[in-house]
Amino acid sequence: MSIRTERVASLFQREIAQILGTEFSDQLHPMVTVTGVRVTADLSIAYVDVSVMGDSQGQKQAVLSKLKDLTPRVRKSLGRAIRHQVKSIPEIRFFLDETLEHASRMDELFGKIRQERSHRGSDTHPETETDG
């Protein structure tokens, strides 16, 4: 990404997070966090990554579906918020960011590996060890 697209993406991330947190917080349960925004080179499309704090995948998908339904209203609010900073308001596309879930799963797996290794290390028998 160019410096301009990075700046615009950062502006969109900040503003969309603000909009979701204030105007639509009552419609989005549980909590939604905007984790990143990527924009096309011509600034016509903004890909918005969101993390949803929920218990099940079904609940997260329901929130994502609700976000997609709210997209025209979010875009309109974004237009009002940044109308003097960009020439046109991009099309907004929401995506579920599952990075935290993947990281948590990896931590869990690494923990199991460490536990197995430490368990194997404590299984050595003193009679097989030699005095050097």
C-alpha atoms as a PDB file:
ATOM      1  CA  MET A   1       0.000   0.000   0.000  1.00  0.00           C
ATOM      2  CA  SER A   2       1.095   3.533  -0.666  1.00  0.00           C
ATOM      3  CA  ILE A   3       1.432   6.050   2.120  1.00  0.00           C
ATOM      4  CA  ARG A   4      -1.824   7.704   1.010  1.00  0.00           C
ATOM      5  CA  THR A   5      -3.826   4.474   1.058  1.00  0.00           C
ATOM      6  CA  GLU A   6      -2.352   3.609   4.469  1.00  0.00           C
ATOM      7  CA  ARG A   7      -3.385   6.992   5.850  1.00  0.00           C
ATOM      8  CA  VAL A   8      -6.872   6.713   4.377  1.00  0.00           C
ATOM      9  CA  ALA A   9      -7.223   3.144   5.712  1.00  0.00           C
ATOM     10  CA  SER A  10      -6.193   4.361   9.160  1.00  0.00           C
ATOM     11  CA  LEU A  11      -8.728   7.207   8.960  1.00  0.00           C
ATOM     12  CA  PHE A  12     -11.467   4.780   7.909  1.00  0.00           C
ATOM     13  CA  GLN A  13     -10.576   2.364  10.711  1.00  0.00           C
ATOM     14  CA  ARG A  14     -10.737   5.088  13.343  1.00  0.00           C
ATOM     15  CA  GLU A  15     -13.984   6.582  12.036  1.00  0.00           C
ATOM     16  CA  ILE A  16     -15.793   3.267  11.448  1.00  0.00           C
ATOM     17  CA  ALA A  17     -14.826   2.079  14.942  1.00  0.00           C
ATOM     18  CA  GLN A  18     -16.206   5.331  16.345  1.00  0.00           C
ATOM     19  CA  ILE A  19     -19.428   4.991  14.347  1.00  0.00           C
ATOM     20  CA  LEU A  20     -19.992   1.367  15.373  1.00  0.00           C
ATOM     21  CA  GLY A  21     -19.230   2.195  18.996  1.00  0.00           C
ATOM     22  CA  THR A  22     -21.612   5.124  19.216  1.00  0.00           C
ATOM     23  CA  GLU A  23     -24.387   4.948  16.634  1.00  0.00           C
ATOM     24  CA  PHE A  24     -24.825   1.179  16.357  1.00  0.00           C
ATOM     25  CA  SER A  25     -23.638  -0.202  19.701  1.00  0.00           C
ATOM     26  CA  ASP A  26     -27.189  -1.046  20.761  1.00  0.00           C
ATOM     27  CA  GLN A  27     -27.693  -3.122  17.595  1.00  0.00           C
ATOM     28  CA  LEU A  28     -24.393  -5.019  17.753  1.00  0.00           C
ATOM     29  CA  HIS A  29     -24.232  -7.512  20.585  1.00  0.00           C
ATOM     30  CA  PRO A  30     -21.694  -8.675  21.702  1.00  0.00           C
ATOM     31  CA  MET A  31     -18.841  -6.217  21.329  1.00  0.00           C
ATOM     32  CA  VAL A  32     -17.365  -5.558  17.882  1.00  0.00           C
ATOM     33  CA  THR A  33     -13.825  -4.259  17.384  1.00  0.00           C
ATOM     34  CA  VAL A  34     -12.483  -2.921  14.085  1.00  0.00           C
ATOM     35  CA  THR A  35      -9.078  -4.610  13.839  1.00  0.00           C
ATOM     36  CA  GLY A  36      -8.007  -3.317  10.454  1.00  0.00           C
ATOM     37  CA  VAL A  37      -8.994  -1.693   7.199  1.00  0.00           C
ATOM     38  CA  ARG A  38      -7.488  -2.241   3.773  1.00  0.00           C
ATOM     39  CA  VAL A  39      -8.428  -0.040   0.829  1.00  0.00           C
ATOM     40  CA  THR A  40      -8.023  -0.535  -2.895  1.00  0.00           C
ATOM     41  CA  ALA A  41      -5.487   1.660  -4.716  1.00  0.00           C
ATOM     42  CA  ASP A  42      -8.269   3.818  -6.163  1.00  0.00           C
ATOM     43  CA  LEU A  43      -9.899   4.102  -2.691  1.00  0.00           C
ATOM     44  CA  SER A  44     -13.190   2.747  -4.044  1.00  0.00           C
ATOM     45  CA  ILE A  45     -13.490  -0.247  -1.682  1.00  0.00           C
ATOM     46  CA  ALA A  46     -12.660  -0.510   2.020  1.00  0.00           C
ATOM     47  CA  TYR A  47     -12.253  -4.013   3.427  1.00  0.00           C
ATOM     48  CA  VAL A  48     -13.035  -3.769   7.139  1.00  0.00           C
ATOM     49  CA  ASP A  49     -11.817  -6.553   9.433  1.00  0.00           C
ATOM     50  CA  VAL A  50     -13.813  -6.907  12.639  1.00  0.00           C
ATOM     51  CA  SER A  51     -13.315  -9.057  15.696  1.00  0.00           C
ATOM     52  CA  VAL A  52     -16.476 -10.164  17.476  1.00  0.00           C
ATOM     53  CA  MET A  53     -16.433 -11.141  21.124  1.00  0.00           C
ATOM     54  CA  GLY A  54     -18.825 -14.050  21.149  1.00  0.00           C
ATOM     55  CA  ASP A  55     -19.232 -17.530  22.530  1.00  0.00           C
ATOM     56  CA  SER A  56     -19.959 -19.416  19.337  1.00  0.00           C
ATOM     57  CA  GLN A  57     -19.156 -19.214  15.666  1.00  0.00           C
ATOM     58  CA  GLY A  58     -22.895 -18.916  14.962  1.00  0.00           C
ATOM     59  CA  GLN A  59     -23.142 -15.864  17.197  1.00  0.00           C
ATOM     60  CA  LYS A  60     -20.171 -14.260  15.444  1.00  0.00           C
ATOM     61  CA  GLN A  61     -21.664 -14.966  12.032  1.00  0.00           C
ATOM     62  CA  ALA A  62     -24.973 -13.435  13.166  1.00  0.00           C
ATOM     63  CA  VAL A  63     -23.165 -10.230  14.187  1.00  0.00           C
ATOM     64  CA  LEU A  64     -21.304 -10.177  10.860  1.00  0.00           C
ATOM     65  CA  SER A  65     -24.617 -10.582   9.041  1.00  0.00           C
ATOM     66  CA  LYS A  66     -26.067  -7.693  11.045  1.00  0.00           C
ATOM     67  CA  LEU A  67     -23.042  -5.566  10.135  1.00  0.00           C
ATOM     68  CA  LYS A  68     -23.604  -6.329   6.469  1.00  0.00           C
ATOM     69  CA  ASP A  69     -27.238  -5.243   6.846  1.00  0.00           C
ATOM     70  CA  LEU A  70     -26.090  -1.998   8.506  1.00  0.00           C
ATOM     71  CA  THR A  71     -23.427  -1.278   5.857  1.00  0.00           C
ATOM     72  CA  PRO A  72     -25.407   1.399   3.954  1.00  0.00           C
ATOM     73  CA  ARG A  73     -26.095   3.280   7.187  1.00  0.00           C
ATOM     74  CA  VAL A  74     -22.463   2.943   8.325  1.00  0.00           C
ATOM     75  CA  ARG A  75     -21.310   4.257   4.940  1.00  0.00           C
ATOM     76  CA  LYS A  76     -23.662   7.221   5.197  1.00  0.00           C
ATOM     77  CA  SER A  77     -22.386   8.042   8.697  1.00  0.00           C
ATOM     78  CA  LEU A  78     -18.807   7.686   7.463  1.00  0.00           C
ATOM     79  CA  GLY A  79     -19.602  10.127   4.672  1.00  0.00           C
ATOM     80  CA  ARG A  80     -20.877  12.690   7.153  1.00  0.00           C
ATOM     81  CA  ALA A  81     -17.824  12.228   9.378  1.00  0.00           C
ATOM     82  CA  ILE A  82     -15.105  12.559   6.716  1.00  0.00           C
ATOM     83  CA  ARG A  83     -16.782  14.472   3.858  1.00  0.00           C
ATOM     84  CA  HIS A  84     -14.091  17.174   3.913  1.00  0.00           C
ATOM     85  CA  GLN A  85     -11.178  14.722   3.969  1.00  0.00           C
ATOM     86  CA  VAL A  86     -11.827  12.441   0.983  1.00  0.00           C
ATOM     87  CA  LYS A  87     -13.467  12.998  -2.408  1.00  0.00           C
ATOM     88  CA  SER A  88     -15.730   9.957  -2.308  1.00  0.00           C
ATOM     89  CA  ILE A  89     -16.828   7.424   0.269  1.00  0.00           C
ATOM     90  CA  PRO A  90     -15.793   3.872  -0.604  1.00  0.00           C
ATOM     91  CA  GLU A  91     -17.933   0.783  -0.744  1.00  0.00           C
ATOM     92  CA  ILE A  92     -17.563  -0.973   2.623  1.00  0.00           C
ATOM     93  CA  ARG A  93     -17.152  -4.726   2.984  1.00  0.00           C
ATOM     94  CA  PHE A  94     -17.012  -6.333   6.422  1.00  0.00           C
ATOM     95  CA  PHE A  95     -14.991  -9.473   7.169  1.00  0.00           C
ATOM     96  CA  LEU A  96     -14.642 -11.512  10.347  1.00  0.00           C
ATOM     97  CA  ASP A  97     -11.103 -11.353  11.759  1.00  0.00           C
ATOM     98  CA  GLU A  98     -10.350 -14.571  13.612  1.00  0.00           C
ATOM     99  CA  THR A  99      -6.690 -13.840  14.308  1.00  0.00           C
ATOM    100  CA  LEU A 100      -7.176 -13.820  18.079  1.00  0.00           C
ATOM    101  CA  GLU A 101      -8.942 -17.194  18.008  1.00  0.00           C
ATOM    102  CA  HIS A 102      -6.156 -18.681  15.873  1.00  0.00           C
ATOM    103  CA  ALA A 103      -3.479 -17.240  18.165  1.00  0.00           C
ATOM    104  CA  SER A 104      -5.272 -18.619  21.218  1.00  0.00           C
ATOM    105  CA  ARG A 105      -5.517 -22.041  19.597  1.00  0.00           C
ATOM    106  CA  MET A 106      -1.797 -21.970  18.724  1.00  0.00           C
ATOM    107  CA  ASP A 107      -0.911 -20.993  22.311  1.00  0.00           C
ATOM    108  CA  GLU A 108      -2.995 -23.907  23.531  1.00  0.00           C
ATOM    109  CA  LEU A 109      -1.226 -26.330  21.177  1.00  0.00           C
ATOM    110  CA  PHE A 110       2.236 -25.030  22.129  1.00  0.00           C
ATOM    111  CA  GLY A 111       1.300 -25.391  25.792  1.00  0.00           C
ATOM    112  CA  LYS A 112       0.382 -29.030  25.212  1.00  0.00           C
ATOM    113  CA  ILE A 113       3.683 -29.631  23.429  1.00  0.00           C
ATOM    114  CA  ARG A 114       5.642 -28.052  26.295  1.00  0.00           C
ATOM    115  CA  GLN A 115       3.683 -30.134  28.796  1.00  0.00           C
ATOM    116  CA  GLU A 116       4.382 -33.360  26.858  1.00  0.00           C
ATOM    117  CA  ARG A 117       8.088 -32.518  26.581  1.00  0.00           C
ATOM    118  CA  SER A 118       8.419 -31.749  30.274  1.00  0.00           C
ATOM    119  CA  HIS A 119       6.506 -34.932  31.088  1.00  0.00           C
ATOM    120  CA  ARG A 120       8.871 -36.974  28.876  1.00  0.00           C
ATOM    121  CA  GLY A 121      11.904 -35.307  30.446  1.00  0.00           C
ATOM    122  CA  SER A 122      10.783 -36.346  33.944  1.00  0.00           C
ATOM    123  CA  ASP A 123      10.375 -39.981  32.856  1.00  0.00           C
ATOM    124  CA  THR A 124      14.139 -40.707  32.797  1.00  0.00           C
ATOM    125  CA  HIS A 125      15.208 -43.525  35.079  1.00  0.00           C
ATOM    126  CA  PRO A 126      18.182 -42.972  37.430  1.00  0.00           C
ATOM    127  CA  GLU A 127      19.557 -46.477  36.882  1.00  0.00           C
ATOM    128  CA  THR A 128      20.140 -45.788  33.167  1.00  0.00           C
ATOM    129  CA  GLU A 129      22.137 -42.632  33.817  1.00  0.00           C
ATOM    130  CA  THR A 130      25.903 -42.983  34.112  1.00  0.00           C
ATOM    131  CA  ASP A 131      28.219 -41.153  36.456  1.00  0.00           C
ATOM    132  CA  GLY A 132      30.651 -39.103  34.323  1.00  0.00           C
END
